[in-house]
């Protein structure tokens, strides 16, 4: 859910209808024993933002729509990546998933869906009242058995505290978290640990920048041809630009070679090793990287790896000092 305005009866009924339709039978279950509510979810979640129509990228690797997207869903199911994350604001993502299940109804029971309800047009505006009331209404739906668990997305620490103080049982918070963006560690991790809230990172591979494909590439060859690359490219400017990014990729590559792994697998393993992180959301424009993702489960990073990654992070030109998603809402980095 996200921040929202004052709600009348009609608004509540609309939320109830939407939530009951999209979230019924999709309780969130996680691999980590953080909570007894969470059992059985693989540590890799397929992120479906890439199906919104703004992630076309290189044509030869674009499988974000039509029959190609439907075929790739099958590949993820076969690989055991059967928890998918979507949202009402991810363009046609929910529709594409629904089409897949209409054509393959026998797959529905194998897949756990996580979606989001955006209460207002600007789902990130915490200055508008009502988000606590929206969460309490979702709590009512949970008590009625219409939904499994209640999670939030991009909630900073103060606003998450407001939900907890109101008595809302928050199961998870989806936030941007990666080897190059560690803002959750400043304030959020401690709160989530104390209140048994799972942190579900997205942006783990920074829209694909954290991969071998960009190791040694000059900045002049980088194309911001997807919404994700545009988003994380702006963050890179804050951190120190492309020169710092190459330093990070070089360290990741050295660690990957040491473990006979890959840059993206190391970055994913790192975030999964952080406190209260039972699973990571990995956005995918296609199914080409499934084999690489599966190597994450065999990878064990050691203390030396962690120290090397800490060192390159601390060498960034501008380390963030504010809470999660504050910069994206117009605050300071």
C-alpha atoms as a PDB file:
ATOM      1  CA  UNK A   1       0.000   0.000   0.000  1.00  0.00           C
ATOM      2  CA  UNK A   2       1.012   3.655  -0.187  1.00  0.00           C
ATOM      3  CA  UNK A   3       0.086   7.002   1.333  1.00  0.00           C
ATOM      4  CA  UNK A   4      -3.487   8.146   0.758  1.00  0.00           C
ATOM      5  CA  UNK A   5      -6.146  10.807   1.365  1.00  0.00           C
ATOM      6  CA  UNK A   6      -9.275  10.841   3.505  1.00  0.00           C
ATOM      7  CA  UNK A   7     -11.524   7.901   2.641  1.00  0.00           C
ATOM      8  CA  UNK A   8     -15.281   7.777   2.468  1.00  0.00           C
ATOM      9  CA  UNK A   9     -17.454   4.687   2.349  1.00  0.00           C
ATOM     10  CA  UNK A  10     -17.187   4.476  -1.440  1.00  0.00           C
ATOM     11  CA  UNK A  11     -13.389   4.713  -1.269  1.00  0.00           C
ATOM     12  CA  UNK A  12     -13.291   1.927   1.303  1.00  0.00           C
ATOM     13  CA  UNK A  13     -15.539  -0.285  -0.793  1.00  0.00           C
ATOM     14  CA  UNK A  14     -13.333   0.322  -3.828  1.00  0.00           C
ATOM     15  CA  UNK A  15     -10.248  -0.605  -1.836  1.00  0.00           C
ATOM     16  CA  UNK A  16     -11.987  -3.675  -0.428  1.00  0.00           C
ATOM     17  CA  UNK A  17     -13.071  -4.832  -3.878  1.00  0.00           C
ATOM     18  CA  UNK A  18      -9.651  -4.245  -5.414  1.00  0.00           C
ATOM     19  CA  UNK A  19      -7.806  -5.839  -2.547  1.00  0.00           C
ATOM     20  CA  UNK A  20     -10.081  -8.859  -2.293  1.00  0.00           C
ATOM     21  CA  UNK A  21      -9.723  -9.442  -6.021  1.00  0.00           C
ATOM     22  CA  UNK A  22      -5.973  -9.032  -6.302  1.00  0.00           C
ATOM     23  CA  UNK A  23      -4.705 -10.223  -2.955  1.00  0.00           C
ATOM     24  CA  UNK A  24      -6.999 -13.092  -1.980  1.00  0.00           C
ATOM     25  CA  UNK A  25      -5.100 -16.335  -1.467  1.00  0.00           C
ATOM     26  CA  UNK A  26      -1.749 -14.544  -1.890  1.00  0.00           C
ATOM     27  CA  UNK A  27      -0.423 -14.555   1.670  1.00  0.00           C
ATOM     28  CA  UNK A  28       3.242 -13.678   1.889  1.00  0.00           C
ATOM     29  CA  UNK A  29       5.430 -16.623   2.908  1.00  0.00           C
ATOM     30  CA  UNK A  30       9.172 -16.338   3.286  1.00  0.00           C
ATOM     31  CA  UNK A  31      12.126 -18.683   3.463  1.00  0.00           C
ATOM     32  CA  UNK A  32      13.663 -17.034   6.521  1.00  0.00           C
ATOM     33  CA  UNK A  33      12.322 -17.956   9.984  1.00  0.00           C
ATOM     34  CA  UNK A  34      11.853 -14.261  10.803  1.00  0.00           C
ATOM     35  CA  UNK A  35       8.212 -14.972  11.577  1.00  0.00           C
ATOM     36  CA  UNK A  36       6.067 -18.053  11.894  1.00  0.00           C
ATOM     37  CA  UNK A  37       3.841 -16.433   9.240  1.00  0.00           C
ATOM     38  CA  UNK A  38       6.610 -16.818   6.673  1.00  0.00           C
ATOM     39  CA  UNK A  39       7.397 -20.261   5.397  1.00  0.00           C
ATOM     40  CA  UNK A  40       8.112 -21.616   1.967  1.00  0.00           C
ATOM     41  CA  UNK A  41       8.978 -18.623  -0.211  1.00  0.00           C
ATOM     42  CA  UNK A  42      12.106 -18.965  -2.343  1.00  0.00           C
ATOM     43  CA  UNK A  43      14.714 -16.299  -1.718  1.00  0.00           C
ATOM     44  CA  UNK A  44      14.340 -14.950  -5.260  1.00  0.00           C
ATOM     45  CA  UNK A  45      11.147 -13.090  -6.177  1.00  0.00           C
ATOM     46  CA  UNK A  46      10.421 -12.258  -9.805  1.00  0.00           C
ATOM     47  CA  UNK A  47       9.870  -8.508 -10.051  1.00  0.00           C
ATOM     48  CA  UNK A  48       7.310  -7.567 -12.692  1.00  0.00           C
ATOM     49  CA  UNK A  49       7.807  -3.778 -12.937  1.00  0.00           C
ATOM     50  CA  UNK A  50       9.634  -4.586 -16.172  1.00  0.00           C
ATOM     51  CA  UNK A  51       6.297  -5.539 -17.754  1.00  0.00           C
ATOM     52  CA  UNK A  52       4.968  -1.965 -17.538  1.00  0.00           C
ATOM     53  CA  UNK A  53       5.818  -1.012 -21.121  1.00  0.00           C
ATOM     54  CA  UNK A  54       8.720   1.266 -20.148  1.00  0.00           C
ATOM     55  CA  UNK A  55      11.449  -1.388 -20.124  1.00  0.00           C
ATOM     56  CA  UNK A  56      11.781  -2.295 -23.780  1.00  0.00           C
ATOM     57  CA  UNK A  57      15.577  -1.807 -23.884  1.00  0.00           C
ATOM     58  CA  UNK A  58      17.583  -3.685 -26.506  1.00  0.00           C
ATOM     59  CA  UNK A  59      15.065  -5.342 -28.869  1.00  0.00           C
ATOM     60  CA  UNK A  60      16.846  -8.698 -28.994  1.00  0.00           C
ATOM     61  CA  UNK A  61      16.513  -9.138 -25.208  1.00  0.00           C
ATOM     62  CA  UNK A  62      13.065  -7.569 -24.867  1.00  0.00           C
ATOM     63  CA  UNK A  63      10.539 -10.197 -23.738  1.00  0.00           C
ATOM     64  CA  UNK A  64       8.292  -7.924 -21.704  1.00  0.00           C
ATOM     65  CA  UNK A  65       5.026  -8.360 -23.574  1.00  0.00           C
ATOM     66  CA  UNK A  66       2.942 -10.699 -25.689  1.00  0.00           C
ATOM     67  CA  UNK A  67       3.705 -14.381 -26.139  1.00  0.00           C
ATOM     68  CA  UNK A  68       7.360 -13.893 -25.157  1.00  0.00           C
ATOM     69  CA  UNK A  69       6.414 -12.678 -21.672  1.00  0.00           C
ATOM     70  CA  UNK A  70       3.967 -15.570 -21.248  1.00  0.00           C
ATOM     71  CA  UNK A  71       6.596 -18.127 -22.292  1.00  0.00           C
ATOM     72  CA  UNK A  72       9.074 -16.661 -19.801  1.00  0.00           C
ATOM     73  CA  UNK A  73       6.589 -17.093 -16.945  1.00  0.00           C
ATOM     74  CA  UNK A  74       6.744 -20.823 -17.675  1.00  0.00           C
ATOM     75  CA  UNK A  75      10.536 -20.732 -17.470  1.00  0.00           C
ATOM     76  CA  UNK A  76      10.438 -19.092 -14.045  1.00  0.00           C
ATOM     77  CA  UNK A  77       7.947 -21.647 -12.749  1.00  0.00           C
ATOM     78  CA  UNK A  78      10.134 -24.509 -13.981  1.00  0.00           C
ATOM     79  CA  UNK A  79      13.111 -22.932 -12.218  1.00  0.00           C
ATOM     80  CA  UNK A  80      11.195 -22.777  -8.932  1.00  0.00           C
ATOM     81  CA  UNK A  81      10.959 -18.968  -8.919  1.00  0.00           C
ATOM     82  CA  UNK A  82       7.266 -18.983  -8.111  1.00  0.00           C
ATOM     83  CA  UNK A  83       6.729 -15.793  -6.124  1.00  0.00           C
ATOM     84  CA  UNK A  84       6.007 -12.794  -8.347  1.00  0.00           C
ATOM     85  CA  UNK A  85       5.747  -9.150  -7.319  1.00  0.00           C
ATOM     86  CA  UNK A  86       3.528  -6.718  -9.211  1.00  0.00           C
ATOM     87  CA  UNK A  87       1.390  -3.607  -8.604  1.00  0.00           C
ATOM     88  CA  UNK A  88      -1.603  -1.734  -9.926  1.00  0.00           C
ATOM     89  CA  UNK A  89       0.754   1.003 -11.165  1.00  0.00           C
ATOM     90  CA  UNK A  90       3.035  -1.361 -13.123  1.00  0.00           C
ATOM     91  CA  UNK A  91       1.296  -0.679 -16.430  1.00  0.00           C
ATOM     92  CA  UNK A  92      -0.121  -3.886 -17.872  1.00  0.00           C
ATOM     93  CA  UNK A  93       1.806  -6.165 -15.524  1.00  0.00           C
ATOM     94  CA  UNK A  94      -1.217  -7.485 -13.622  1.00  0.00           C
ATOM     95  CA  UNK A  95      -3.109  -8.010 -16.871  1.00  0.00           C
ATOM     96  CA  UNK A  96      -0.224  -9.992 -18.366  1.00  0.00           C
ATOM     97  CA  UNK A  97      -0.025 -12.195 -15.279  1.00  0.00           C
ATOM     98  CA  UNK A  98      -3.790 -12.729 -15.390  1.00  0.00           C
ATOM     99  CA  UNK A  99      -3.569 -13.724 -19.046  1.00  0.00           C
ATOM    100  CA  UNK A 100      -0.864 -16.262 -18.195  1.00  0.00           C
ATOM    101  CA  UNK A 101      -3.085 -17.891 -15.564  1.00  0.00           C
ATOM    102  CA  UNK A 102      -6.112 -17.920 -17.872  1.00  0.00           C
ATOM    103  CA  UNK A 103      -4.052 -19.824 -20.434  1.00  0.00           C
ATOM    104  CA  UNK A 104      -2.330 -21.995 -17.815  1.00  0.00           C
ATOM    105  CA  UNK A 105      -4.824 -22.427 -14.931  1.00  0.00           C
ATOM    106  CA  UNK A 106      -2.955 -25.440 -13.555  1.00  0.00           C
ATOM    107  CA  UNK A 107      -0.014 -23.165 -12.685  1.00  0.00           C
ATOM    108  CA  UNK A 108      -2.005 -20.875 -10.371  1.00  0.00           C
ATOM    109  CA  UNK A 109      -1.598 -22.964  -7.240  1.00  0.00           C
ATOM    110  CA  UNK A 110       2.172 -23.070  -7.750  1.00  0.00           C
ATOM    111  CA  UNK A 111       2.579 -19.287  -7.748  1.00  0.00           C
ATOM    112  CA  UNK A 112       2.364 -16.799  -4.901  1.00  0.00           C
ATOM    113  CA  UNK A 113       1.412 -13.296  -6.024  1.00  0.00           C
ATOM    114  CA  UNK A 114       2.282 -10.077  -4.230  1.00  0.00           C
ATOM    115  CA  UNK A 115       0.620  -6.924  -5.485  1.00  0.00           C
ATOM    116  CA  UNK A 116       0.028  -3.387  -4.264  1.00  0.00           C
ATOM    117  CA  UNK A 117      -2.971  -1.110  -3.894  1.00  0.00           C
ATOM    118  CA  UNK A 118      -2.281   2.564  -4.618  1.00  0.00           C
ATOM    119  CA  UNK A 119      -4.851   4.590  -2.722  1.00  0.00           C
ATOM    120  CA  UNK A 120      -4.182   7.948  -4.441  1.00  0.00           C
ATOM    121  CA  UNK A 121      -2.836   9.120  -7.785  1.00  0.00           C
ATOM    122  CA  UNK A 122       0.424  10.030  -6.057  1.00  0.00           C
ATOM    123  CA  UNK A 123       1.056   6.937  -3.979  1.00  0.00           C
ATOM    124  CA  UNK A 124       4.285   8.360  -2.526  1.00  0.00           C
ATOM    125  CA  UNK A 125       2.811  11.517  -0.952  1.00  0.00           C
ATOM    126  CA  UNK A 126       2.994  11.179   2.821  1.00  0.00           C
ATOM    127  CA  UNK A 127       1.888  14.798   3.270  1.00  0.00           C
ATOM    128  CA  UNK A 128      -1.664  13.782   2.417  1.00  0.00           C
ATOM    129  CA  UNK A 129      -3.592  12.325   5.366  1.00  0.00           C
ATOM    130  CA  UNK A 130      -5.201   8.932   5.304  1.00  0.00           C
ATOM    131  CA  UNK A 131      -2.488   6.304   4.870  1.00  0.00           C
ATOM    132  CA  UNK A 132      -2.903   5.079   8.449  1.00  0.00           C
ATOM    133  CA  UNK A 133      -6.658   4.758   7.922  1.00  0.00           C
ATOM    134  CA  UNK A 134      -6.036   2.839   4.683  1.00  0.00           C
ATOM    135  CA  UNK A 135      -3.775   0.416   6.524  1.00  0.00           C
ATOM    136  CA  UNK A 136      -6.353  -0.081   9.268  1.00  0.00           C
ATOM    137  CA  UNK A 137      -8.980  -0.854   6.606  1.00  0.00           C
ATOM    138  CA  UNK A 138      -6.647  -3.455   5.099  1.00  0.00           C
ATOM    139  CA  UNK A 139      -6.257  -4.869   8.607  1.00  0.00           C
ATOM    140  CA  UNK A 140     -10.041  -5.324   8.694  1.00  0.00           C
ATOM    141  CA  UNK A 141      -9.850  -7.226   5.405  1.00  0.00           C
ATOM    142  CA  UNK A 142      -7.154  -9.440   6.874  1.00  0.00           C
ATOM    143  CA  UNK A 143      -9.353 -10.241   9.881  1.00  0.00           C
ATOM    144  CA  UNK A 144     -12.120 -11.197   7.459  1.00  0.00           C
ATOM    145  CA  UNK A 145      -9.762 -13.616   5.754  1.00  0.00           C
ATOM    146  CA  UNK A 146      -9.770 -11.760   2.426  1.00  0.00           C
ATOM    147  CA  UNK A 147      -6.019 -11.162   2.422  1.00  0.00           C
ATOM    148  CA  UNK A 148      -3.063 -12.931   3.992  1.00  0.00           C
ATOM    149  CA  UNK A 149      -0.612 -10.334   5.240  1.00  0.00           C
ATOM    150  CA  UNK A 150      -0.151  -6.578   4.939  1.00  0.00           C
ATOM    151  CA  UNK A 151       3.055  -5.190   3.517  1.00  0.00           C
ATOM    152  CA  UNK A 152       4.147  -1.681   2.564  1.00  0.00           C
ATOM    153  CA  UNK A 153       6.477  -0.235  -0.037  1.00  0.00           C
ATOM    154  CA  UNK A 154       8.979   2.619   0.330  1.00  0.00           C
ATOM    155  CA  UNK A 155       7.909   3.460   3.874  1.00  0.00           C
ATOM    156  CA  UNK A 156      10.589   5.404   5.711  1.00  0.00           C
ATOM    157  CA  UNK A 157      11.125   4.800   9.415  1.00  0.00           C
ATOM    158  CA  UNK A 158       8.935   7.596  10.899  1.00  0.00           C
ATOM    159  CA  UNK A 159       5.915   6.700   8.765  1.00  0.00           C
ATOM    160  CA  UNK A 160       6.329   2.998   9.442  1.00  0.00           C
ATOM    161  CA  UNK A 161       6.331   3.819  13.154  1.00  0.00           C
ATOM    162  CA  UNK A 162       3.002   5.623  12.696  1.00  0.00           C
ATOM    163  CA  UNK A 163       1.467   2.438  11.295  1.00  0.00           C
ATOM    164  CA  UNK A 164       2.861   0.347  14.129  1.00  0.00           C
ATOM    165  CA  UNK A 165       1.636   2.830  16.757  1.00  0.00           C
ATOM    166  CA  UNK A 166      -1.839   2.598  15.227  1.00  0.00           C
ATOM    167  CA  UNK A 167      -1.815  -1.157  15.754  1.00  0.00           C
ATOM    168  CA  UNK A 168      -1.251  -2.239  12.159  1.00  0.00           C
ATOM    169  CA  UNK A 169       0.658  -5.531  11.925  1.00  0.00           C
ATOM    170  CA  UNK A 170       3.083  -4.897   9.081  1.00  0.00           C
ATOM    171  CA  UNK A 171       4.618  -8.053   7.665  1.00  0.00           C
ATOM    172  CA  UNK A 172       7.086  -6.566   5.196  1.00  0.00           C
ATOM    173  CA  UNK A 173       8.500  -3.366   3.730  1.00  0.00           C
ATOM    174  CA  UNK A 174       9.728  -3.323   0.137  1.00  0.00           C
ATOM    175  CA  UNK A 175      12.591  -0.851  -0.182  1.00  0.00           C
ATOM    176  CA  UNK A 176      15.506  -0.144  -2.467  1.00  0.00           C
ATOM    177  CA  UNK A 177      18.538  -1.967  -1.036  1.00  0.00           C
ATOM    178  CA  UNK A 178      21.743  -3.093  -2.708  1.00  0.00           C
ATOM    179  CA  UNK A 179      25.527  -3.023  -2.453  1.00  0.00           C
ATOM    180  CA  UNK A 180      25.343   0.523  -3.853  1.00  0.00           C
ATOM    181  CA  UNK A 181      22.334   1.742  -1.866  1.00  0.00           C
ATOM    182  CA  UNK A 182      22.444   0.925   1.833  1.00  0.00           C
ATOM    183  CA  UNK A 183      19.993   3.472   3.169  1.00  0.00           C
ATOM    184  CA  UNK A 184      17.904   0.831   5.008  1.00  0.00           C
ATOM    185  CA  UNK A 185      20.869   0.240   7.330  1.00  0.00           C
ATOM    186  CA  UNK A 186      20.742   3.809   8.678  1.00  0.00           C
ATOM    187  CA  UNK A 187      17.425   3.533  10.522  1.00  0.00           C
ATOM    188  CA  UNK A 188      15.030   0.987   9.037  1.00  0.00           C
ATOM    189  CA  UNK A 189      16.833  -2.291   9.756  1.00  0.00           C
ATOM    190  CA  UNK A 190      16.796  -1.735  13.514  1.00  0.00           C
ATOM    191  CA  UNK A 191      13.070  -0.951  13.551  1.00  0.00           C
ATOM    192  CA  UNK A 192      12.224  -3.944  11.378  1.00  0.00           C
ATOM    193  CA  UNK A 193      14.321  -6.243  13.557  1.00  0.00           C
ATOM    194  CA  UNK A 194      12.537  -5.091  16.704  1.00  0.00           C
ATOM    195  CA  UNK A 195       9.089  -5.483  15.159  1.00  0.00           C
ATOM    196  CA  UNK A 196       9.654  -8.659  13.197  1.00  0.00           C
ATOM    197  CA  UNK A 197       9.128  -6.977   9.804  1.00  0.00           C
ATOM    198  CA  UNK A 198      10.708  -8.543   6.729  1.00  0.00           C
ATOM    199  CA  UNK A 199      12.730  -6.250   4.465  1.00  0.00           C
ATOM    200  CA  UNK A 200      12.195  -7.122   0.803  1.00  0.00           C
ATOM    201  CA  UNK A 201      14.865  -5.373  -1.285  1.00  0.00           C
ATOM    202  CA  UNK A 202      14.348  -4.261  -4.854  1.00  0.00           C
ATOM    203  CA  UNK A 203      16.913  -2.515  -7.051  1.00  0.00           C
ATOM    204  CA  UNK A 204      19.334  -5.267  -6.053  1.00  0.00           C
ATOM    205  CA  UNK A 205      21.040  -5.146  -9.468  1.00  0.00           C
ATOM    206  CA  UNK A 206      20.337  -1.447 -10.113  1.00  0.00           C
ATOM    207  CA  UNK A 207      18.360  -2.008 -13.269  1.00  0.00           C
ATOM    208  CA  UNK A 208      21.064  -4.283 -14.670  1.00  0.00           C
ATOM    209  CA  UNK A 209      24.011  -1.957 -14.052  1.00  0.00           C
ATOM    210  CA  UNK A 210      25.361  -4.366 -11.419  1.00  0.00           C
ATOM    211  CA  UNK A 211      26.336  -7.039 -13.914  1.00  0.00           C
ATOM    212  CA  UNK A 212      29.235  -8.174 -16.066  1.00  0.00           C
ATOM    213  CA  UNK A 213      27.672  -6.437 -19.068  1.00  0.00           C
ATOM    214  CA  UNK A 214      28.829  -3.050 -17.736  1.00  0.00           C
ATOM    215  CA  UNK A 215      32.229  -4.021 -16.359  1.00  0.00           C
ATOM    216  CA  UNK A 216      34.862  -2.017 -18.237  1.00  0.00           C
ATOM    217  CA  UNK A 217      32.278  -0.159 -20.314  1.00  0.00           C
ATOM    218  CA  UNK A 218      32.813   3.528 -20.925  1.00  0.00           C
ATOM    219  CA  UNK A 219      30.116   5.925 -19.771  1.00  0.00           C
ATOM    220  CA  UNK A 220      29.614   7.068 -23.359  1.00  0.00           C
ATOM    221  CA  UNK A 221      28.403   3.572 -24.285  1.00  0.00           C
ATOM    222  CA  UNK A 222      25.725   3.382 -21.593  1.00  0.00           C
ATOM    223  CA  UNK A 223      22.163   3.808 -22.838  1.00  0.00           C
ATOM    224  CA  UNK A 224      19.388   4.748 -20.441  1.00  0.00           C
ATOM    225  CA  UNK A 225      16.876   2.783 -22.508  1.00  0.00           C
ATOM    226  CA  UNK A 226      14.638   1.537 -19.688  1.00  0.00           C
ATOM    227  CA  UNK A 227      12.841   3.237 -16.828  1.00  0.00           C
ATOM    228  CA  UNK A 228      15.021   1.291 -14.369  1.00  0.00           C
ATOM    229  CA  UNK A 229      18.293   2.449 -15.920  1.00  0.00           C
ATOM    230  CA  UNK A 230      17.095   6.044 -15.833  1.00  0.00           C
ATOM    231  CA  UNK A 231      16.183   5.728 -12.157  1.00  0.00           C
ATOM    232  CA  UNK A 232      19.436   4.111 -11.052  1.00  0.00           C
ATOM    233  CA  UNK A 233      21.520   6.271 -13.372  1.00  0.00           C
ATOM    234  CA  UNK A 234      20.331   9.309 -11.415  1.00  0.00           C
ATOM    235  CA  UNK A 235      21.374   7.617  -8.181  1.00  0.00           C
ATOM    236  CA  UNK A 236      24.799   6.847  -9.595  1.00  0.00           C
ATOM    237  CA  UNK A 237      25.365  10.551 -10.146  1.00  0.00           C
ATOM    238  CA  UNK A 238      24.809  11.085  -6.420  1.00  0.00           C
ATOM    239  CA  UNK A 239      27.148   8.259  -5.419  1.00  0.00           C
ATOM    240  CA  UNK A 240      30.092   9.324  -7.541  1.00  0.00           C
ATOM    241  CA  UNK A 241      29.277   8.666 -11.162  1.00  0.00           C
ATOM    242  CA  UNK A 242      30.441   6.022 -13.580  1.00  0.00           C
ATOM    243  CA  UNK A 243      34.021   5.982 -12.294  1.00  0.00           C
ATOM    244  CA  UNK A 244      32.842   4.853  -8.864  1.00  0.00           C
ATOM    245  CA  UNK A 245      30.490   2.339 -10.473  1.00  0.00           C
ATOM    246  CA  UNK A 246      33.439   0.749 -12.265  1.00  0.00           C
ATOM    247  CA  UNK A 247      35.305   0.487  -8.968  1.00  0.00           C
ATOM    248  CA  UNK A 248      32.332  -1.326  -7.452  1.00  0.00           C
ATOM    249  CA  UNK A 249      32.031  -3.674 -10.432  1.00  0.00           C
ATOM    250  CA  UNK A 250      35.743  -4.473 -10.274  1.00  0.00           C
ATOM    251  CA  UNK A 251      35.474  -5.486  -6.614  1.00  0.00           C
ATOM    252  CA  UNK A 252      32.369  -7.566  -7.327  1.00  0.00           C
ATOM    253  CA  UNK A 253      34.118  -9.208 -10.264  1.00  0.00           C
ATOM    254  CA  UNK A 254      37.141 -10.092  -8.138  1.00  0.00           C
ATOM    255  CA  UNK A 255      34.895 -11.665  -5.498  1.00  0.00           C
ATOM    256  CA  UNK A 256      32.914 -13.498  -8.191  1.00  0.00           C
ATOM    257  CA  UNK A 257      36.060 -15.031  -9.686  1.00  0.00           C
ATOM    258  CA  UNK A 258      37.225 -16.062  -6.240  1.00  0.00           C
ATOM    259  CA  UNK A 259      33.979 -18.041  -5.731  1.00  0.00           C
ATOM    260  CA  UNK A 260      33.579 -19.146  -9.348  1.00  0.00           C
ATOM    261  CA  UNK A 261      30.399 -17.085  -9.532  1.00  0.00           C
ATOM    262  CA  UNK A 262      29.137 -13.904 -11.209  1.00  0.00           C
ATOM    263  CA  UNK A 263      28.870 -10.204 -10.393  1.00  0.00           C
ATOM    264  CA  UNK A 264      25.074 -10.281 -10.184  1.00  0.00           C
ATOM    265  CA  UNK A 265      25.085 -13.434  -8.036  1.00  0.00           C
ATOM    266  CA  UNK A 266      27.523 -11.867  -5.568  1.00  0.00           C
ATOM    267  CA  UNK A 267      25.430  -8.688  -5.344  1.00  0.00           C
ATOM    268  CA  UNK A 268      22.266 -10.727  -4.754  1.00  0.00           C
ATOM    269  CA  UNK A 269      23.919 -12.957  -2.165  1.00  0.00           C
ATOM    270  CA  UNK A 270      25.215  -9.890  -0.325  1.00  0.00           C
ATOM    271  CA  UNK A 271      21.745  -8.392   0.118  1.00  0.00           C
ATOM    272  CA  UNK A 272      20.267 -11.747   1.156  1.00  0.00           C
ATOM    273  CA  UNK A 273      22.898 -11.956   3.895  1.00  0.00           C
ATOM    274  CA  UNK A 274      21.676  -8.737   5.512  1.00  0.00           C
ATOM    275  CA  UNK A 275      19.495  -8.741   8.670  1.00  0.00           C
ATOM    276  CA  UNK A 276      15.787  -9.369   8.217  1.00  0.00           C
ATOM    277  CA  UNK A 277      16.103  -9.949   4.461  1.00  0.00           C
ATOM    278  CA  UNK A 278      14.408 -13.277   3.673  1.00  0.00           C
ATOM    279  CA  UNK A 279      14.093 -12.718  -0.077  1.00  0.00           C
ATOM    280  CA  UNK A 280      15.144 -10.315  -2.833  1.00  0.00           C
ATOM    281  CA  UNK A 281      13.020  -8.951  -5.672  1.00  0.00           C
ATOM    282  CA  UNK A 282      14.914  -9.285  -8.945  1.00  0.00           C
ATOM    283  CA  UNK A 283      13.341  -7.486 -11.890  1.00  0.00           C
ATOM    284  CA  UNK A 284      13.508  -9.436 -15.131  1.00  0.00           C
ATOM    285  CA  UNK A 285      12.900  -8.378 -18.733  1.00  0.00           C
ATOM    286  CA  UNK A 286      13.444 -11.976 -19.799  1.00  0.00           C
ATOM    287  CA  UNK A 287      14.315 -15.418 -18.455  1.00  0.00           C
ATOM    288  CA  UNK A 288      17.879 -15.456 -19.781  1.00  0.00           C
ATOM    289  CA  UNK A 289      19.447 -14.999 -16.327  1.00  0.00           C
ATOM    290  CA  UNK A 290      17.617 -17.750 -14.444  1.00  0.00           C
ATOM    291  CA  UNK A 291      20.636 -20.053 -14.384  1.00  0.00           C
ATOM    292  CA  UNK A 292      22.755 -17.269 -12.937  1.00  0.00           C
ATOM    293  CA  UNK A 293      20.164 -16.533 -10.261  1.00  0.00           C
ATOM    294  CA  UNK A 294      20.081 -20.160  -9.173  1.00  0.00           C
ATOM    295  CA  UNK A 295      23.819 -20.043  -8.395  1.00  0.00           C
ATOM    296  CA  UNK A 296      23.056 -17.568  -5.598  1.00  0.00           C
ATOM    297  CA  UNK A 297      21.974 -20.425  -3.332  1.00  0.00           C
ATOM    298  CA  UNK A 298      25.365 -22.140  -3.580  1.00  0.00           C
ATOM    299  CA  UNK A 299      27.347 -18.969  -2.906  1.00  0.00           C
ATOM    300  CA  UNK A 300      28.783 -18.170   0.520  1.00  0.00           C
ATOM    301  CA  UNK A 301      30.540 -14.827   0.998  1.00  0.00           C
ATOM    302  CA  UNK A 302      33.216 -14.534   3.673  1.00  0.00           C
ATOM    303  CA  UNK A 303      34.354 -11.703   5.954  1.00  0.00           C
ATOM    304  CA  UNK A 304      37.023 -10.585   3.488  1.00  0.00           C
ATOM    305  CA  UNK A 305      34.372 -10.168   0.782  1.00  0.00           C
ATOM    306  CA  UNK A 306      32.219  -8.064   3.082  1.00  0.00           C
ATOM    307  CA  UNK A 307      35.175  -5.848   4.043  1.00  0.00           C
ATOM    308  CA  UNK A 308      36.076  -5.257   0.390  1.00  0.00           C
ATOM    309  CA  UNK A 309      32.491  -4.312  -0.489  1.00  0.00           C
ATOM    310  CA  UNK A 310      32.270  -2.022   2.548  1.00  0.00           C
ATOM    311  CA  UNK A 311      35.471  -0.288   1.496  1.00  0.00           C
ATOM    312  CA  UNK A 312      34.320   0.502  -2.034  1.00  0.00           C
ATOM    313  CA  UNK A 313      30.952   1.691  -0.729  1.00  0.00           C
ATOM    314  CA  UNK A 314      32.588   4.003   1.778  1.00  0.00           C
ATOM    315  CA  UNK A 315      34.766   5.358  -1.015  1.00  0.00           C
ATOM    316  CA  UNK A 316      31.754   6.805  -2.832  1.00  0.00           C
ATOM    317  CA  UNK A 317      31.785  10.556  -3.339  1.00  0.00           C
ATOM    318  CA  UNK A 318      28.477  11.020  -1.522  1.00  0.00           C
ATOM    319  CA  UNK A 319      27.242   8.334   0.865  1.00  0.00           C
ATOM    320  CA  UNK A 320      23.531   8.817   1.639  1.00  0.00           C
ATOM    321  CA  UNK A 321      22.676   9.986   5.141  1.00  0.00           C
ATOM    322  CA  UNK A 322      18.879  10.040   4.912  1.00  0.00           C
ATOM    323  CA  UNK A 323      16.184   7.403   5.299  1.00  0.00           C
ATOM    324  CA  UNK A 324      14.830   5.184   2.520  1.00  0.00           C
ATOM    325  CA  UNK A 325      13.096   6.927  -0.390  1.00  0.00           C
ATOM    326  CA  UNK A 326      13.491  10.435   1.081  1.00  0.00           C
ATOM    327  CA  UNK A 327      15.705  11.520  -1.842  1.00  0.00           C
ATOM    328  CA  UNK A 328      13.149  10.220  -4.332  1.00  0.00           C
ATOM    329  CA  UNK A 329      10.510  12.337  -2.580  1.00  0.00           C
ATOM    330  CA  UNK A 330      12.607  15.479  -3.056  1.00  0.00           C
ATOM    331  CA  UNK A 331      14.765  15.329   0.070  1.00  0.00           C
ATOM    332  CA  UNK A 332      18.533  15.396   0.391  1.00  0.00           C
ATOM    333  CA  UNK A 333      20.689  12.377  -0.480  1.00  0.00           C
END
